[in-house]
Protein backbone atom coordinates (compact mmCIF):
# COMPACT_ATOMS: atom_id res chain seq x y z
CA UNK A 1 170.28 69.05 89.38
CA UNK A 2 171.76 72.55 88.90
CA UNK A 3 171.74 74.46 85.63
CA UNK A 4 174.42 76.93 84.62
CA UNK A 5 171.80 78.73 82.54
CA UNK A 6 168.12 79.25 83.41
CA UNK A 7 166.00 76.24 82.70
CA UNK A 8 164.47 76.62 79.19
CA UNK A 9 160.89 76.11 80.49
CA UNK A 10 161.18 79.06 82.84
CA UNK A 11 163.38 81.29 80.70
CA UNK A 12 161.81 83.76 78.28
CA UNK A 13 164.83 83.62 75.97
CA UNK A 14 166.73 80.45 75.16
CA UNK A 15 170.52 80.22 75.04
CA UNK A 16 170.60 80.70 71.27
CA UNK A 17 168.39 83.76 71.47
CA UNK A 18 170.66 85.18 74.16
CA UNK A 19 173.67 84.84 71.92
CA UNK A 20 171.73 86.45 69.06
CA UNK A 21 170.75 89.29 71.33
CA UNK A 22 174.41 89.84 72.29
CA UNK A 23 175.39 89.85 68.63
CA UNK A 24 172.70 92.37 67.72
CA UNK A 25 173.37 94.64 70.66
CA UNK A 26 175.20 97.80 69.50
CA UNK A 27 177.33 97.88 72.64
CA UNK A 28 178.39 94.27 72.33
CA UNK A 29 177.59 93.69 75.99
CA UNK A 30 175.76 90.73 77.41
CA UNK A 31 172.60 92.80 77.98
CA UNK A 32 169.48 91.46 76.30
CA UNK A 33 168.37 93.12 73.10
CA UNK A 34 165.10 94.99 73.58
CA UNK A 35 162.71 96.59 71.13
CA UNK A 36 160.97 99.88 71.84
CA UNK A 37 157.72 99.23 73.58
CA UNK A 38 154.53 99.98 71.68
CA UNK A 39 152.18 102.50 73.20
CA UNK A 40 149.51 100.90 75.32
CA UNK A 41 145.87 101.08 74.36
CA UNK A 42 145.11 103.24 77.38
CA UNK A 43 147.82 105.72 76.35
CA UNK A 44 146.68 105.88 72.74
CA UNK A 45 142.96 106.01 73.29
CA UNK A 46 142.85 107.58 76.72
CA UNK A 47 141.98 105.97 80.04
CA UNK A 48 138.45 104.53 79.83
CA UNK A 49 136.01 105.80 82.39
CA UNK A 50 134.87 103.24 84.95
CA UNK A 51 131.41 101.86 84.30
CA UNK A 52 129.01 103.08 86.95
CA UNK A 53 126.74 100.24 88.00
CA UNK A 54 123.74 100.76 90.27
CA UNK A 55 124.39 99.79 93.86
CA UNK A 56 121.67 97.65 95.41
CA UNK A 57 122.18 99.43 98.73
CA UNK A 58 121.31 102.77 97.13
CA UNK A 59 117.87 101.61 96.00
CA UNK A 60 114.84 103.09 97.68
CA UNK A 61 113.22 100.34 99.75
CA UNK A 62 109.77 101.86 99.37
CA UNK A 63 109.98 101.73 95.57
CA UNK A 64 110.73 98.00 95.65
CA UNK A 65 107.67 97.28 97.80
CA UNK A 66 105.68 95.80 94.92
CA UNK A 67 108.53 94.18 92.99
CA UNK A 68 108.28 90.45 92.39
CA UNK A 69 110.85 87.70 92.14
CA UNK A 70 110.80 85.18 89.31
CA UNK A 71 109.01 82.05 90.49
CA UNK A 72 111.38 79.90 88.43
CA UNK A 73 114.45 81.51 90.00
CA UNK A 74 113.02 81.15 93.50
CA UNK A 75 112.07 77.50 92.90
CA UNK A 76 115.52 76.67 91.55
CA UNK A 77 117.27 78.40 94.44
CA UNK A 78 115.11 76.74 97.07
CA UNK A 79 115.54 73.29 95.50
CA UNK A 80 119.32 73.75 95.59
CA UNK A 81 119.09 74.79 99.25
CA UNK A 82 117.09 71.64 100.08
CA UNK A 83 119.49 69.38 98.18
CA UNK A 84 122.55 71.02 99.73
CA UNK A 85 121.10 70.65 103.22
CA UNK A 86 119.90 67.09 102.63
CA UNK A 87 123.47 65.91 101.95
CA UNK A 88 124.59 67.21 105.33
CA UNK A 89 121.96 65.80 107.68
CA UNK A 90 121.31 62.44 109.27
CA UNK A 91 117.52 62.31 109.04
CA UNK A 92 114.24 64.05 108.32
CA UNK A 93 114.07 65.78 111.69
CA UNK A 94 117.54 67.21 111.24
CA UNK A 95 116.67 68.41 107.73
CA UNK A 96 113.50 70.15 108.92
CA UNK A 97 115.41 71.74 111.78
CA UNK A 98 117.99 73.20 109.41
CA UNK A 99 115.33 74.48 107.02
CA UNK A 100 113.63 76.08 110.01
CA UNK A 101 116.89 77.78 110.97
CA UNK A 102 117.36 79.16 107.46
CA UNK A 103 113.79 80.45 107.46
CA UNK A 104 114.35 82.10 110.85
CA UNK A 105 117.21 84.15 109.38
CA UNK A 106 114.95 85.29 106.54
CA UNK A 107 112.13 86.12 108.96
CA UNK A 108 114.27 88.51 110.99
CA UNK A 109 115.06 90.47 107.83
CA UNK A 110 111.45 90.44 106.64
CA UNK A 111 110.26 91.90 109.94
CA UNK A 112 112.98 94.54 109.92
CA UNK A 113 112.05 95.61 106.39
CA UNK A 114 108.32 95.71 107.15
CA UNK A 115 108.83 97.81 110.30
CA UNK A 116 111.08 100.23 108.44
CA UNK A 117 108.54 100.68 105.66
CA UNK A 118 105.71 101.18 108.13
CA UNK A 119 107.63 103.82 110.05
CA UNK A 120 108.76 105.67 106.92
CA UNK A 121 105.34 105.76 105.26
CA UNK A 122 103.14 106.45 108.30
CA UNK A 123 103.14 109.48 110.57
CA UNK A 124 101.91 107.38 113.48
CA UNK A 125 103.28 103.82 113.05
CA UNK A 126 101.62 101.26 115.26
CA UNK A 127 103.15 98.26 116.95
CA UNK A 128 100.90 95.33 117.72
CA UNK A 129 100.92 94.40 121.40
CA UNK A 130 97.87 92.13 121.37
CA UNK A 131 97.95 88.56 120.14
CA UNK A 132 95.06 88.50 117.67
CA UNK A 133 96.17 91.61 115.71
CA UNK A 134 99.68 90.15 115.57
CA UNK A 135 98.32 86.87 114.23
CA UNK A 136 96.31 88.69 111.57
CA UNK A 137 99.38 90.72 110.62
CA UNK A 138 101.39 87.55 110.03
CA UNK A 139 98.49 85.90 108.19
CA UNK A 140 98.05 88.86 105.84
CA UNK A 141 101.01 91.24 105.68
CA UNK A 142 103.90 88.84 106.24
CA UNK A 143 102.47 86.26 103.84
CA UNK A 144 101.93 88.96 101.22
CA UNK A 145 105.47 90.30 101.69
CA UNK A 146 107.03 86.84 101.32
CA UNK A 147 104.68 84.99 98.97
CA UNK A 148 102.73 87.78 97.27
CA UNK A 149 99.35 86.84 98.78
CA UNK A 150 97.80 86.29 102.22
CA UNK A 151 97.42 82.87 103.78
CA UNK A 152 94.12 81.04 103.34
CA UNK A 153 92.93 80.72 106.93
CA UNK A 154 93.79 81.17 110.58
CA UNK A 155 92.34 78.96 113.30
CA UNK A 156 92.58 78.44 117.04
CA UNK A 157 93.04 75.01 118.55
CA UNK A 158 90.01 73.69 120.41
CA UNK A 159 92.17 71.47 122.60
CA UNK A 160 95.02 73.77 123.64
CA UNK A 161 94.51 77.47 124.26
CA UNK A 162 98.15 78.24 123.50
CA UNK A 163 98.03 76.89 119.92
CA UNK A 164 97.02 78.71 116.74
CA UNK A 165 97.22 77.54 113.13
CA UNK A 166 97.83 79.38 109.87
CA UNK A 167 96.69 77.34 106.88
CA UNK A 168 98.10 77.59 103.37
CA UNK A 169 96.24 75.49 100.81
CA UNK A 170 98.90 75.83 98.12
CA UNK A 171 102.34 76.68 99.59
CA UNK A 172 104.45 78.32 96.84
CA UNK A 173 107.68 76.70 98.02
CA UNK A 174 106.22 73.19 97.64
CA UNK A 175 104.58 73.52 94.24
CA UNK A 176 107.53 71.99 92.38
CA UNK A 177 108.90 69.70 95.09
CA UNK A 178 108.53 65.95 94.76
CA UNK A 179 109.16 64.20 98.08
CA UNK A 180 110.34 60.55 97.83
CA UNK A 181 108.17 57.88 99.38
CA UNK A 182 110.75 57.05 102.01
CA UNK A 183 110.66 60.70 103.12
CA UNK A 184 106.91 61.26 103.00
CA UNK A 185 106.99 62.80 106.48
CA UNK A 186 109.23 65.63 105.29
CA UNK A 187 107.67 69.10 105.18
CA UNK A 188 109.77 71.66 103.33
CA UNK A 189 107.42 74.28 104.75
CA UNK A 190 109.59 74.09 107.85
CA UNK A 191 111.36 76.96 106.10
CA UNK A 192 108.12 78.97 106.27
CA UNK A 193 107.67 77.97 109.92
CA UNK A 194 111.09 79.46 110.62
CA UNK A 195 110.06 82.74 109.00
CA UNK A 196 106.89 82.87 111.11
CA UNK A 197 108.76 82.02 114.31
CA UNK A 198 111.26 84.83 113.73
CA UNK A 199 108.47 87.34 113.14
CA UNK A 200 106.63 86.34 116.33
CA UNK A 201 109.83 86.48 118.36
CA UNK A 202 110.61 89.91 116.95
CA UNK A 203 107.11 91.19 117.76
CA UNK A 204 107.43 90.05 121.36
CA UNK A 205 105.31 86.88 121.13
CA UNK A 206 107.81 84.05 121.65
CA UNK A 207 106.53 80.79 120.24
CA UNK A 208 107.57 77.45 118.79
CA UNK A 209 106.43 77.13 115.18
CA UNK A 210 106.31 73.90 113.17
CA UNK A 211 104.92 72.86 109.78
CA UNK A 212 102.63 69.89 109.16
CA UNK A 213 101.09 68.40 106.01
CA UNK A 214 97.30 68.32 106.22
CA UNK A 215 96.26 67.37 102.67
CA UNK A 216 92.67 67.23 101.49
CA UNK A 217 91.27 66.02 98.19
CA UNK A 218 91.03 69.51 96.73
CA UNK A 219 94.41 70.68 98.04
CA UNK A 220 96.92 67.79 98.16
CA UNK A 221 99.78 70.05 99.31
CA UNK A 222 97.80 71.84 102.04
CA UNK A 223 100.05 72.79 104.95
CA UNK A 224 99.32 73.91 108.49
CA UNK A 225 101.74 76.18 110.33
CA UNK A 226 101.28 75.34 114.02
CA UNK A 227 102.11 78.16 116.45
CA UNK A 228 102.56 77.12 120.08
CA UNK A 229 102.87 80.22 122.24
CA UNK A 230 104.89 80.45 125.42
CA UNK A 231 103.09 80.74 128.73
CA UNK A 232 104.26 84.34 129.23
CA UNK A 233 102.32 85.45 126.15
CA UNK A 234 99.03 84.11 127.51
CA UNK A 235 99.70 85.65 130.91
CA UNK A 236 100.27 89.03 129.30
CA UNK A 237 97.06 88.71 127.30
CA UNK A 238 95.13 88.16 130.53
CA UNK A 239 96.60 91.31 132.02
CA UNK A 240 95.76 93.40 128.93
CA UNK A 241 92.12 92.33 128.83
């Protein structure tokens, strides 16, 4: 349906106001009557200066070495990550795989930050090329960088020479997680396993890292991070002996 005049819902002035505007116009033309515009606030008070906010990319990375993140904020964020991922998977294995992938992305950034800090604060930075020093670095320095404290123990498998274990008696990411009974095999520490796997890959020790619940009476949430090294790593260790 066509309108000879603009539709009243979309017109600023109605037909009656248009006629009033024509009547009030000193020229008697059909132009709309307009009032002189009031000065804007910016004109009257001056243009306000933009607020300068600190840029996170301008912060000195060495000064934030000892900063801590709120445990409540971290727990809330991680719980939302788990819930978001859980709605998009088909089973426990798929959920652990996705958590491992997310942790791997974090691990690459953790290693990059740690290497940068070591090179900027030391005149002779050292890169670990032997397996045991690399394991101790992950057990101590990486755990402290991510969780604020070192892991509780590191062990070597007595059955397979290519397997090592990092033990955390009280994993921070699982302190406030309640796993349903039908998902009792789920280990949210797969996220931590992804971080460890990324660090080992970045250091030149390719491995497959998984997380397993190994509870004891004193530590019901005790978790073992199992590191299964590739054959090339063991062969290189034999050459360097």
